[in-house]
Amino acid sequence: MSLNEQFTNSSSNAVGSIESRLTGLLKPVKPNPAFVDNLRDRFQVVSHPAMIHRFSNLKFITMVVAGILSIVVLVTMGTRVLINILLPGNKSSNIQ
């Protein structure tokens, strides 16, 4: 029997013994109806979620401009890295 099979067998035995022990220990509990009603009221779905709201035009434009600028910076950095890797004689730094 391989080590993997031994581990699988011991794991399944352990899980089986834990399940049988928990079956004897854990009993179903009937929840308090007032608690269930209160919970149902708190989780009631509204027409629109509270966290989602419409962006104003200025916020939307600011986010788009920031996204475009970050893409430009990432592409520029990636291009410089590739140039320095692929063309070892053409260093863009001034270190002597």
PDB file of N, CA and C in Angstrom:
ATOM      1  N   MET A   1       0.849  -1.168   0.000  1.00  0.00           N
ATOM      2  CA  MET A   1       0.000   0.000   0.000  1.00  0.00           C
ATOM      3  C   MET A   1       0.901   1.239   0.000  1.00  0.00           C
ATOM      4  N   SER A   2       0.584   2.171  -0.901  1.00  0.00           N
ATOM      5  CA  SER A   2       1.416   3.364  -1.017  1.00  0.00           C
ATOM      6  C   SER A   2       1.092   4.358   0.101  1.00  0.00           C
ATOM      7  N   LEU A   3       1.959   5.315   0.238  1.00  0.00           N
ATOM      8  CA  LEU A   3       1.790   6.333   1.267  1.00  0.00           C
ATOM      9  C   LEU A   3       0.522   7.152   1.015  1.00  0.00           C
ATOM     10  N   ASN A   4       0.241   7.438  -0.255  1.00  0.00           N
ATOM     11  CA  ASN A   4      -0.945   8.210  -0.607  1.00  0.00           C
ATOM     12  C   ASN A   4      -2.212   7.452  -0.222  1.00  0.00           C
ATOM     13  N   GLU A   5      -2.264   6.153  -0.479  1.00  0.00           N
ATOM     14  CA  GLU A   5      -3.431   5.347  -0.127  1.00  0.00           C
ATOM     15  C   GLU A   5      -3.610   5.282   1.386  1.00  0.00           C
ATOM     16  N   GLN A   6      -2.505   5.154   2.126  1.00  0.00           N
ATOM     17  CA  GLN A   6      -2.591   5.123   3.584  1.00  0.00           C
ATOM     18  C   GLN A   6      -3.140   6.439   4.135  1.00  0.00           C
ATOM     19  N   PHE A   7      -2.670   7.532   3.567  1.00  0.00           N
ATOM     20  CA  PHE A   7      -3.144   8.853   4.006  1.00  0.00           C
ATOM     21  C   PHE A   7      -4.630   9.008   3.708  1.00  0.00           C
ATOM     22  N   THR A   8      -5.062   8.574   2.507  1.00  0.00           N
ATOM     23  CA  THR A   8      -6.467   8.686   2.127  1.00  0.00           C
ATOM     24  C   THR A   8      -7.340   7.840   3.042  1.00  0.00           C
ATOM     25  N   ASN A   9      -6.911   6.621   3.327  1.00  0.00           N
ATOM     26  CA  ASN A   9      -7.699   5.743   4.193  1.00  0.00           C
ATOM     27  C   ASN A   9      -7.798   6.294   5.612  1.00  0.00           C
ATOM     28  N   SER A  10      -6.682   6.776   6.153  1.00  0.00           N
ATOM     29  CA  SER A  10      -6.713   7.309   7.512  1.00  0.00           C
ATOM     30  C   SER A  10      -7.556   8.579   7.582  1.00  0.00           C
ATOM     31  N   SER A  11      -7.511   9.394   6.526  1.00  0.00           N
ATOM     32  CA  SER A  11      -8.310  10.614   6.503  1.00  0.00           C
ATOM     33  C   SER A  11      -9.793  10.281   6.458  1.00  0.00           C
ATOM     34  N   SER A  12     -10.177   9.322   5.623  1.00  0.00           N
ATOM     35  CA  SER A  12     -11.596   8.966   5.532  1.00  0.00           C
ATOM     36  C   SER A  12     -12.077   8.339   6.831  1.00  0.00           C
ATOM     37  N   ASN A  13     -11.232   7.567   7.501  1.00  0.00           N
ATOM     38  CA  ASN A  13     -11.610   6.996   8.795  1.00  0.00           C
ATOM     39  C   ASN A  13     -11.799   8.092   9.841  1.00  0.00           C
ATOM     40  N   ALA A  14     -10.897   9.060   9.840  1.00  0.00           N
ATOM     41  CA  ALA A  14     -10.988  10.153  10.808  1.00  0.00           C
ATOM     42  C   ALA A  14     -12.239  10.987  10.561  1.00  0.00           C
ATOM     43  N   VAL A  15     -12.523  11.274   9.295  1.00  0.00           N
ATOM     44  CA  VAL A  15     -13.705  12.069   8.967  1.00  0.00           C
ATOM     45  C   VAL A  15     -14.958  11.300   9.352  1.00  0.00           C
ATOM     46  N   GLY A  16     -14.980  10.011   9.089  1.00  0.00           N
ATOM     47  CA  GLY A  16     -16.143   9.199   9.444  1.00  0.00           C
ATOM     48  C   GLY A  16     -16.388   9.173  10.938  1.00  0.00           C
ATOM     49  N   SER A  17     -15.319   9.058  11.722  1.00  0.00           N
ATOM     50  CA  SER A  17     -15.496   9.032  13.178  1.00  0.00           C
ATOM     51  C   SER A  17     -15.949  10.392  13.701  1.00  0.00           C
ATOM     52  N   ILE A  18     -15.446  11.469  13.123  1.00  0.00           N
ATOM     53  CA  ILE A  18     -15.871  12.807  13.537  1.00  0.00           C
ATOM     54  C   ILE A  18     -17.344  13.021  13.199  1.00  0.00           C
ATOM     55  N   GLU A  19     -17.761  12.572  11.995  1.00  0.00           N
ATOM     56  CA  GLU A  19     -19.158  12.734  11.598  1.00  0.00           C
ATOM     57  C   GLU A  19     -20.083  11.949  12.513  1.00  0.00           C
ATOM     58  N   SER A  20     -19.715  10.720  12.836  1.00  0.00           N
ATOM     59  CA  SER A  20     -20.584   9.924  13.696  1.00  0.00           C
ATOM     60  C   SER A  20     -20.658  10.517  15.104  1.00  0.00           C
ATOM     61  N   ARG A  21     -19.559  11.063  15.596  1.00  0.00           N
ATOM     62  CA  ARG A  21     -19.566  11.674  16.931  1.00  0.00           C
ATOM     63  C   ARG A  21     -20.416  12.942  16.941  1.00  0.00           C
ATOM     64  N   LEU A  22     -20.285  13.781  15.882  1.00  0.00           N
ATOM     65  CA  LEU A  22     -21.074  15.005  15.818  1.00  0.00           C
ATOM     66  C   LEU A  22     -22.557  14.714  15.639  1.00  0.00           C
ATOM     67  N   THR A  23     -22.886  13.642  14.951  1.00  0.00           N
ATOM     68  CA  THR A  23     -24.279  13.275  14.774  1.00  0.00           C
ATOM     69  C   THR A  23     -24.930  13.012  16.124  1.00  0.00           C
ATOM     70  N   GLY A  24     -24.205  12.400  17.019  1.00  0.00           N
ATOM     71  CA  GLY A  24     -24.741  12.139  18.348  1.00  0.00           C
ATOM     72  C   GLY A  24     -24.764  13.361  19.240  1.00  0.00           C
ATOM     73  N   LEU A  25     -23.851  14.312  19.031  1.00  0.00           N
ATOM     74  CA  LEU A  25     -23.752  15.483  19.907  1.00  0.00           C
ATOM     75  C   LEU A  25     -24.662  16.628  19.491  1.00  0.00           C
ATOM     76  N   LEU A  26     -24.772  16.865  18.198  1.00  0.00           N
ATOM     77  CA  LEU A  26     -25.518  18.025  17.708  1.00  0.00           C
ATOM     78  C   LEU A  26     -26.985  17.659  17.490  1.00  0.00           C
ATOM     79  N   LYS A  27     -27.864  18.434  18.055  1.00  0.00           N
ATOM     80  CA  LYS A  27     -29.299  18.238  17.904  1.00  0.00           C
ATOM     81  C   LYS A  27     -29.884  19.471  17.222  1.00  0.00           C
ATOM     82  N   PRO A  28     -30.893  19.289  16.375  1.00  0.00           N
ATOM     83  CA  PRO A  28     -31.508  20.452  15.730  1.00  0.00           C
ATOM     84  C   PRO A  28     -32.196  21.351  16.759  1.00  0.00           C
ATOM     85  N   VAL A  29     -32.147  22.640  16.504  1.00  0.00           N
ATOM     86  CA  VAL A  29     -32.730  23.630  17.407  1.00  0.00           C
ATOM     87  C   VAL A  29     -33.764  24.423  16.627  1.00  0.00           C
ATOM     88  N   LYS A  30     -34.938  24.599  17.192  1.00  0.00           N
ATOM     89  CA  LYS A  30     -35.971  25.409  16.550  1.00  0.00           C
ATOM     90  C   LYS A  30     -35.724  26.869  16.937  1.00  0.00           C
ATOM     91  N   PRO A  31     -35.526  27.748  15.946  1.00  0.00           N
ATOM     92  CA  PRO A  31     -35.216  29.144  16.268  1.00  0.00           C
ATOM     93  C   PRO A  31     -36.435  29.876  16.820  1.00  0.00           C
ATOM     94  N   ASN A  32     -36.160  30.920  17.561  1.00  0.00           N
ATOM     95  CA  ASN A  32     -37.201  31.768  18.125  1.00  0.00           C
ATOM     96  C   ASN A  32     -37.908  32.496  16.981  1.00  0.00           C
ATOM     97  N   PRO A  33     -39.236  32.430  16.880  1.00  0.00           N
ATOM     98  CA  PRO A  33     -39.947  33.082  15.771  1.00  0.00           C
ATOM     99  C   PRO A  33     -39.722  34.590  15.727  1.00  0.00           C
ATOM    100  N   ALA A  34     -39.587  35.239  16.873  1.00  0.00           N
ATOM    101  CA  ALA A  34     -39.340  36.690  16.870  1.00  0.00           C
ATOM    102  C   ALA A  34     -37.984  36.991  16.236  1.00  0.00           C
ATOM    103  N   PHE A  35     -36.980  36.167  16.529  1.00  0.00           N
ATOM    104  CA  PHE A  35     -35.662  36.353  15.926  1.00  0.00           C
ATOM    105  C   PHE A  35     -35.729  36.160  14.417  1.00  0.00           C
ATOM    106  N   VAL A  36     -36.454  35.154  13.969  1.00  0.00           N
ATOM    107  CA  VAL A  36     -36.577  34.881  12.534  1.00  0.00           C
ATOM    108  C   VAL A  36     -37.275  36.043  11.835  1.00  0.00           C
ATOM    109  N   ASP A  37     -38.342  36.578  12.435  1.00  0.00           N
ATOM    110  CA  ASP A  37     -39.051  37.708  11.824  1.00  0.00           C
ATOM    111  C   ASP A  37     -38.162  38.947  11.764  1.00  0.00           C
ATOM    112  N   ASN A  38     -37.420  39.198  12.857  1.00  0.00           N
ATOM    113  CA  ASN A  38     -36.518  40.346  12.881  1.00  0.00           C
ATOM    114  C   ASN A  38     -35.437  40.199  11.816  1.00  0.00           C
ATOM    115  N   LEU A  39     -34.899  38.996  11.683  1.00  0.00           N
ATOM    116  CA  LEU A  39     -33.865  38.743  10.687  1.00  0.00           C
ATOM    117  C   LEU A  39     -34.422  38.896   9.280  1.00  0.00           C
ATOM    118  N   ARG A  40     -35.628  38.418   9.061  1.00  0.00           N
ATOM    119  CA  ARG A  40     -36.258  38.536   7.749  1.00  0.00           C
ATOM    120  C   ARG A  40     -36.471  40.003   7.386  1.00  0.00           C
ATOM    121  N   ASP A  41     -36.873  40.815   8.367  1.00  0.00           N
ATOM    122  CA  ASP A  41     -37.080  42.241   8.111  1.00  0.00           C
ATOM    123  C   ASP A  41     -35.762  42.949   7.797  1.00  0.00           C
ATOM    124  N   ARG A  42     -34.687  42.565   8.489  1.00  0.00           N
ATOM    125  CA  ARG A  42     -33.399  43.211   8.251  1.00  0.00           C
ATOM    126  C   ARG A  42     -32.812  42.839   6.898  1.00  0.00           C
ATOM    127  N   PHE A  43     -33.097  41.626   6.422  1.00  0.00           N
ATOM    128  CA  PHE A  43     -32.566  41.183   5.132  1.00  0.00           C
ATOM    129  C   PHE A  43     -33.529  41.437   3.982  1.00  0.00           C
ATOM    130  N   GLN A  44     -34.574  42.159   4.242  1.00  0.00           N
ATOM    131  CA  GLN A  44     -35.549  42.453   3.185  1.00  0.00           C
ATOM    132  C   GLN A  44     -34.851  43.200   2.055  1.00  0.00           C
ATOM    133  N   VAL A  45     -35.055  42.738   0.833  1.00  0.00           N
ATOM    134  CA  VAL A  45     -34.399  43.345  -0.322  1.00  0.00           C
ATOM    135  C   VAL A  45     -35.165  44.605  -0.713  1.00  0.00           C
ATOM    136  N   VAL A  46     -34.443  45.705  -0.818  1.00  0.00           N
ATOM    137  CA  VAL A  46     -35.045  46.962  -1.232  1.00  0.00           C
ATOM    138  C   VAL A  46     -34.936  47.086  -2.743  1.00  0.00           C
ATOM    139  N   SER A  47     -35.540  48.097  -3.295  1.00  0.00           N
ATOM    140  CA  SER A  47     -35.545  48.253  -4.746  1.00  0.00           C
ATOM    141  C   SER A  47     -34.144  48.473  -5.309  1.00  0.00           C
ATOM    142  N   HIS A  48     -33.272  49.139  -4.573  1.00  0.00           N
ATOM    143  CA  HIS A  48     -31.884  49.312  -4.997  1.00  0.00           C
ATOM    144  C   HIS A  48     -30.990  49.190  -3.776  1.00  0.00           C
ATOM    145  N   PRO A  49     -29.862  48.510  -3.919  1.00  0.00           N
ATOM    146  CA  PRO A  49     -28.951  48.371  -2.777  1.00  0.00           C
ATOM    147  C   PRO A  49     -28.445  49.726  -2.293  1.00  0.00           C
ATOM    148  N   ALA A  50     -28.201  49.824  -1.002  1.00  0.00           N
ATOM    149  CA  ALA A  50     -27.810  51.101  -0.410  1.00  0.00           C
ATOM    150  C   ALA A  50     -26.407  51.525  -0.830  1.00  0.00           C
ATOM    151  N   MET A  51     -25.506  50.568  -1.116  1.00  0.00           N
ATOM    152  CA  MET A  51     -24.126  50.913  -1.425  1.00  0.00           C
ATOM    153  C   MET A  51     -23.932  51.356  -2.865  1.00  0.00           C
ATOM    154  N   ILE A  52     -24.877  51.026  -3.741  1.00  0.00           N
ATOM    155  CA  ILE A  52     -24.717  51.370  -5.154  1.00  0.00           C
ATOM    156  C   ILE A  52     -25.434  52.690  -5.409  1.00  0.00           C
ATOM    157  N   HIS A  53     -24.697  53.643  -5.930  1.00  0.00           N
ATOM    158  CA  HIS A  53     -25.292  54.926  -6.263  1.00  0.00           C
ATOM    159  C   HIS A  53     -24.725  55.393  -7.591  1.00  0.00           C
ATOM    160  N   ARG A  54     -25.381  56.342  -8.168  1.00  0.00           N
ATOM    161  CA  ARG A  54     -24.944  56.845  -9.470  1.00  0.00           C
ATOM    162  C   ARG A  54     -23.771  57.799  -9.288  1.00  0.00           C
ATOM    163  N   PHE A  55     -22.818  57.692 -10.207  1.00  0.00           N
ATOM    164  CA  PHE A  55     -21.695  58.622 -10.196  1.00  0.00           C
ATOM    165  C   PHE A  55     -22.136  59.923 -10.850  1.00  0.00           C
ATOM    166  N   SER A  56     -21.650  61.017 -10.331  1.00  0.00           N
ATOM    167  CA  SER A  56     -21.875  62.279 -11.017  1.00  0.00           C
ATOM    168  C   SER A  56     -20.931  62.320 -12.228  1.00  0.00           C
ATOM    169  N   ASN A  57     -21.217  63.197 -13.155  1.00  0.00           N
ATOM    170  CA  ASN A  57     -20.396  63.278 -14.361  1.00  0.00           C
ATOM    171  C   ASN A  57     -18.945  63.611 -14.037  1.00  0.00           C
ATOM    172  N   LEU A  58     -18.733  64.482 -13.064  1.00  0.00           N
ATOM    173  CA  LEU A  58     -17.366  64.865 -12.717  1.00  0.00           C
ATOM    174  C   LEU A  58     -16.598  63.684 -12.134  1.00  0.00           C
ATOM    175  N   LYS A  59     -17.226  62.904 -11.269  1.00  0.00           N
ATOM    176  CA  LYS A  59     -16.554  61.736 -10.703  1.00  0.00           C
ATOM    177  C   LYS A  59     -16.254  60.709 -11.795  1.00  0.00           C
ATOM    178  N   PHE A  60     -17.204  60.498 -12.689  1.00  0.00           N
ATOM    179  CA  PHE A  60     -17.000  59.527 -13.764  1.00  0.00           C
ATOM    180  C   PHE A  60     -15.857  59.957 -14.675  1.00  0.00           C
ATOM    181  N   ILE A  61     -15.838  61.224 -15.063  1.00  0.00           N
ATOM    182  CA  ILE A  61     -14.777  61.728 -15.940  1.00  0.00           C
ATOM    183  C   ILE A  61     -13.427  61.638 -15.237  1.00  0.00           C
ATOM    184  N   THR A  62     -13.386  61.952 -13.938  1.00  0.00           N
ATOM    185  CA  THR A  62     -12.144  61.858 -13.175  1.00  0.00           C
ATOM    186  C   THR A  62     -11.637  60.419 -13.131  1.00  0.00           C
ATOM    187  N   MET A  63     -12.535  59.473 -12.935  1.00  0.00           N
ATOM    188  CA  MET A  63     -12.123  58.067 -12.905  1.00  0.00           C
ATOM    189  C   MET A  63     -11.618  57.607 -14.261  1.00  0.00           C
ATOM    190  N   VAL A  64     -12.261  58.022 -15.338  1.00  0.00           N
ATOM    191  CA  VAL A  64     -11.819  57.634 -16.681  1.00  0.00           C
ATOM    192  C   VAL A  64     -10.444  58.216 -16.973  1.00  0.00           C
ATOM    193  N   VAL A  65     -10.227  59.495 -16.654  1.00  0.00           N
ATOM    194  CA  VAL A  65      -8.928  60.138 -16.904  1.00  0.00           C
ATOM    195  C   VAL A  65      -7.841  59.463 -16.074  1.00  0.00           C
ATOM    196  N   ALA A  66      -8.135  59.163 -14.806  1.00  0.00           N
ATOM    197  CA  ALA A  66      -7.151  58.490 -13.963  1.00  0.00           C
ATOM    198  C   ALA A  66      -6.826  57.100 -14.504  1.00  0.00           C
ATOM    199  N   GLY A  67      -7.815  56.387 -14.992  1.00  0.00           N
ATOM    200  CA  GLY A  67      -7.575  55.069 -15.578  1.00  0.00           C
ATOM    201  C   GLY A  67      -6.717  55.150 -16.824  1.00  0.00           C
ATOM    202  N   ILE A  68      -7.001  56.111 -17.686  1.00  0.00           N
ATOM    203  CA  ILE A  68      -6.211  56.265 -18.914  1.00  0.00           C
ATOM    204  C   ILE A  68      -4.772  56.640 -18.580  1.00  0.00           C
ATOM    205  N   LEU A  69      -4.587  57.552 -17.622  1.00  0.00           N
ATOM    206  CA  LEU A  69      -3.227  57.939 -17.238  1.00  0.00           C
ATOM    207  C   LEU A  69      -2.460  56.764 -16.636  1.00  0.00           C
ATOM    208  N   SER A  70      -3.130  55.943 -15.830  1.00  0.00           N
ATOM    209  CA  SER A  70      -2.424  54.804 -15.252  1.00  0.00           C
ATOM    210  C   SER A  70      -2.047  53.797 -16.329  1.00  0.00           C
ATOM    211  N   ILE A  71      -2.879  53.609 -17.333  1.00  0.00           N
ATOM    212  CA  ILE A  71      -2.535  52.712 -18.446  1.00  0.00           C
ATOM    213  C   ILE A  71      -1.339  53.264 -19.215  1.00  0.00           C
ATOM    214  N   VAL A  72      -1.316  54.568 -19.449  1.00  0.00           N
ATOM    215  CA  VAL A  72      -0.191  55.183 -20.167  1.00  0.00           C
ATOM    216  C   VAL A  72       1.102  54.999 -19.377  1.00  0.00           C
ATOM    217  N   VAL A  73       1.056  55.203 -18.071  1.00  0.00           N
ATOM    218  CA  VAL A  73       2.251  55.028 -17.247  1.00  0.00           C
ATOM    219  C   VAL A  73       2.729  53.582 -17.287  1.00  0.00           C
ATOM    220  N   LEU A  74       1.799  52.621 -17.162  1.00  0.00           N
ATOM    221  CA  LEU A  74       2.185  51.208 -17.194  1.00  0.00           C
ATOM    222  C   LEU A  74       2.779  50.812 -18.542  1.00  0.00           C
ATOM    223  N   VAL A  75       2.196  51.288 -19.636  1.00  0.00           N
ATOM    224  CA  VAL A  75       2.730  50.955 -20.956  1.00  0.00           C
ATOM    225  C   VAL A  75       4.106  51.579 -21.134  1.00  0.00           C
ATOM    226  N   THR A  76       4.290  52.806 -20.679  1.00  0.00           N
ATOM    227  CA  THR A  76       5.591  53.466 -20.791  1.00  0.00           C
ATOM    228  C   THR A  76       6.651  52.720 -19.985  1.00  0.00           C
ATOM    229  N   MET A  77       6.312  52.325 -18.765  1.00  0.00           N
ATOM    230  CA  MET A  77       7.274  51.581 -17.949  1.00  0.00           C
ATOM    231  C   MET A  77       7.596  50.231 -18.571  1.00  0.00           C
ATOM    232  N   GLY A  78       6.599  49.549 -19.075  1.00  0.00           N
ATOM    233  CA  GLY A  78       6.823  48.256 -19.711  1.00  0.00           C
ATOM    234  C   GLY A  78       7.692  48.377 -20.943  1.00  0.00           C
ATOM    235  N   THR A  79       7.473  49.429 -21.725  1.00  0.00           N
ATOM    236  CA  THR A  79       8.284  49.661 -22.924  1.00  0.00           C
ATOM    237  C   THR A  79       9.742  49.921 -22.554  1.00  0.00           C
ATOM    238  N   ARG A  80       9.964  50.728 -21.526  1.00  0.00           N
ATOM    239  CA  ARG A  80      11.349  51.011 -21.107  1.00  0.00           C
ATOM    240  C   ARG A  80      12.041  49.742 -20.611  1.00  0.00           C
ATOM    241  N   VAL A  81      11.304  48.906 -19.888  1.00  0.00           N
ATOM    242  CA  VAL A  81      11.886  47.652 -19.403  1.00  0.00           C
ATOM    243  C   VAL A  81      12.266  46.767 -20.579  1.00  0.00           C
ATOM    244  N   LEU A  82      11.377  46.639 -21.548  1.00  0.00           N
ATOM    245  CA  LEU A  82      11.673  45.801 -22.716  1.00  0.00           C
ATOM    246  C   LEU A  82      12.846  46.349 -23.518  1.00  0.00           C
ATOM    247  N   ILE A  83      12.919  47.666 -23.665  1.00  0.00           N
ATOM    248  CA  ILE A  83      14.040  48.264 -24.398  1.00  0.00           C
ATOM    249  C   ILE A  83      15.347  47.969 -23.676  1.00  0.00           C
ATOM    250  N   ASN A  84      15.372  48.102 -22.352  1.00  0.00           N
ATOM    251  CA  ASN A  84      16.603  47.850 -21.595  1.00  0.00           C
ATOM    252  C   ASN A  84      16.977  46.378 -21.602  1.00  0.00           C
ATOM    253  N   ILE A  85      16.012  45.500 -21.692  1.00  0.00           N
ATOM    254  CA  ILE A  85      16.318  44.064 -21.716  1.00  0.00           C
ATOM    255  C   ILE A  85      16.793  43.634 -23.099  1.00  0.00           C
ATOM    256  N   LEU A  86      16.093  44.085 -24.127  1.00  0.00           N
ATOM    257  CA  LEU A  86      16.383  43.610 -25.480  1.00  0.00           C
ATOM    258  C   LEU A  86      17.556  44.317 -26.140  1.00  0.00           C
ATOM    259  N   LEU A  87      17.823  45.560 -25.777  1.00  0.00           N
ATOM    260  CA  LEU A  87      18.925  46.310 -26.373  1.00  0.00           C
ATOM    261  C   LEU A  87      19.919  46.692 -25.275  1.00  0.00           C
ATOM    262  N   PRO A  88      20.836  45.784 -24.938  1.00  0.00           N
ATOM    263  CA  PRO A  88      21.745  46.057 -23.815  1.00  0.00           C
ATOM    264  C   PRO A  88      22.698  47.229 -24.073  1.00  0.00           C
ATOM    265  N   GLY A  89      22.997  47.568 -25.300  1.00  0.00           N
ATOM    266  CA  GLY A  89      23.923  48.664 -25.583  1.00  0.00           C
ATOM    267  C   GLY A  89      23.248  50.016 -25.484  1.00  0.00           C
ATOM    268  N   ASN A  90      21.946  50.072 -25.485  1.00  0.00           N
ATOM    269  CA  ASN A  90      21.210  51.331 -25.489  1.00  0.00           C
ATOM    270  C   ASN A  90      20.543  51.529 -24.126  1.00  0.00           C
ATOM    271  N   LYS A  91      21.343  51.905 -23.123  1.00  0.00           N
ATOM    272  CA  LYS A  91      20.829  52.117 -21.788  1.00  0.00           C
ATOM    273  C   LYS A  91      20.251  53.514 -21.682  1.00  0.00           C
ATOM    274  N   SER A  92      19.084  53.616 -21.051  1.00  0.00           N
ATOM    275  CA  SER A  92      18.455  54.923 -20.900  1.00  0.00           C
ATOM    276  C   SER A  92      18.872  55.606 -19.621  1.00  0.00           C
ATOM    277  N   SER A  93      19.646  54.944 -18.760  1.00  0.00           N
ATOM    278  CA  SER A  93      20.079  55.576 -17.511  1.00  0.00           C
ATOM    279  C   SER A  93      21.424  56.273 -17.745  1.00  0.00           C
ATOM    280  N   ASN A  94      21.748  57.229 -16.892  1.00  0.00           N
ATOM    281  CA  ASN A  94      22.972  58.011 -17.012  1.00  0.00           C
ATOM    282  C   ASN A  94      24.049  57.520 -16.038  1.00  0.00           C
ATOM    283  N   ILE A  95      23.922  56.345 -15.496  1.00  0.00           N
ATOM    284  CA  ILE A  95      24.900  55.827 -14.539  1.00  0.00           C
ATOM    285  C   ILE A  95      26.142  55.362 -15.316  1.00  0.00           C
ATOM    286  N   GLN A  96      27.307  55.842 -14.902  1.00  0.00           N
ATOM    287  CA  GLN A  96      28.560  55.507 -15.602  1.00  0.00           C
ATOM    288  C   GLN A  96      29.297  54.443 -14.859  1.00  0.00           C
TER     289      GLN A  96
END
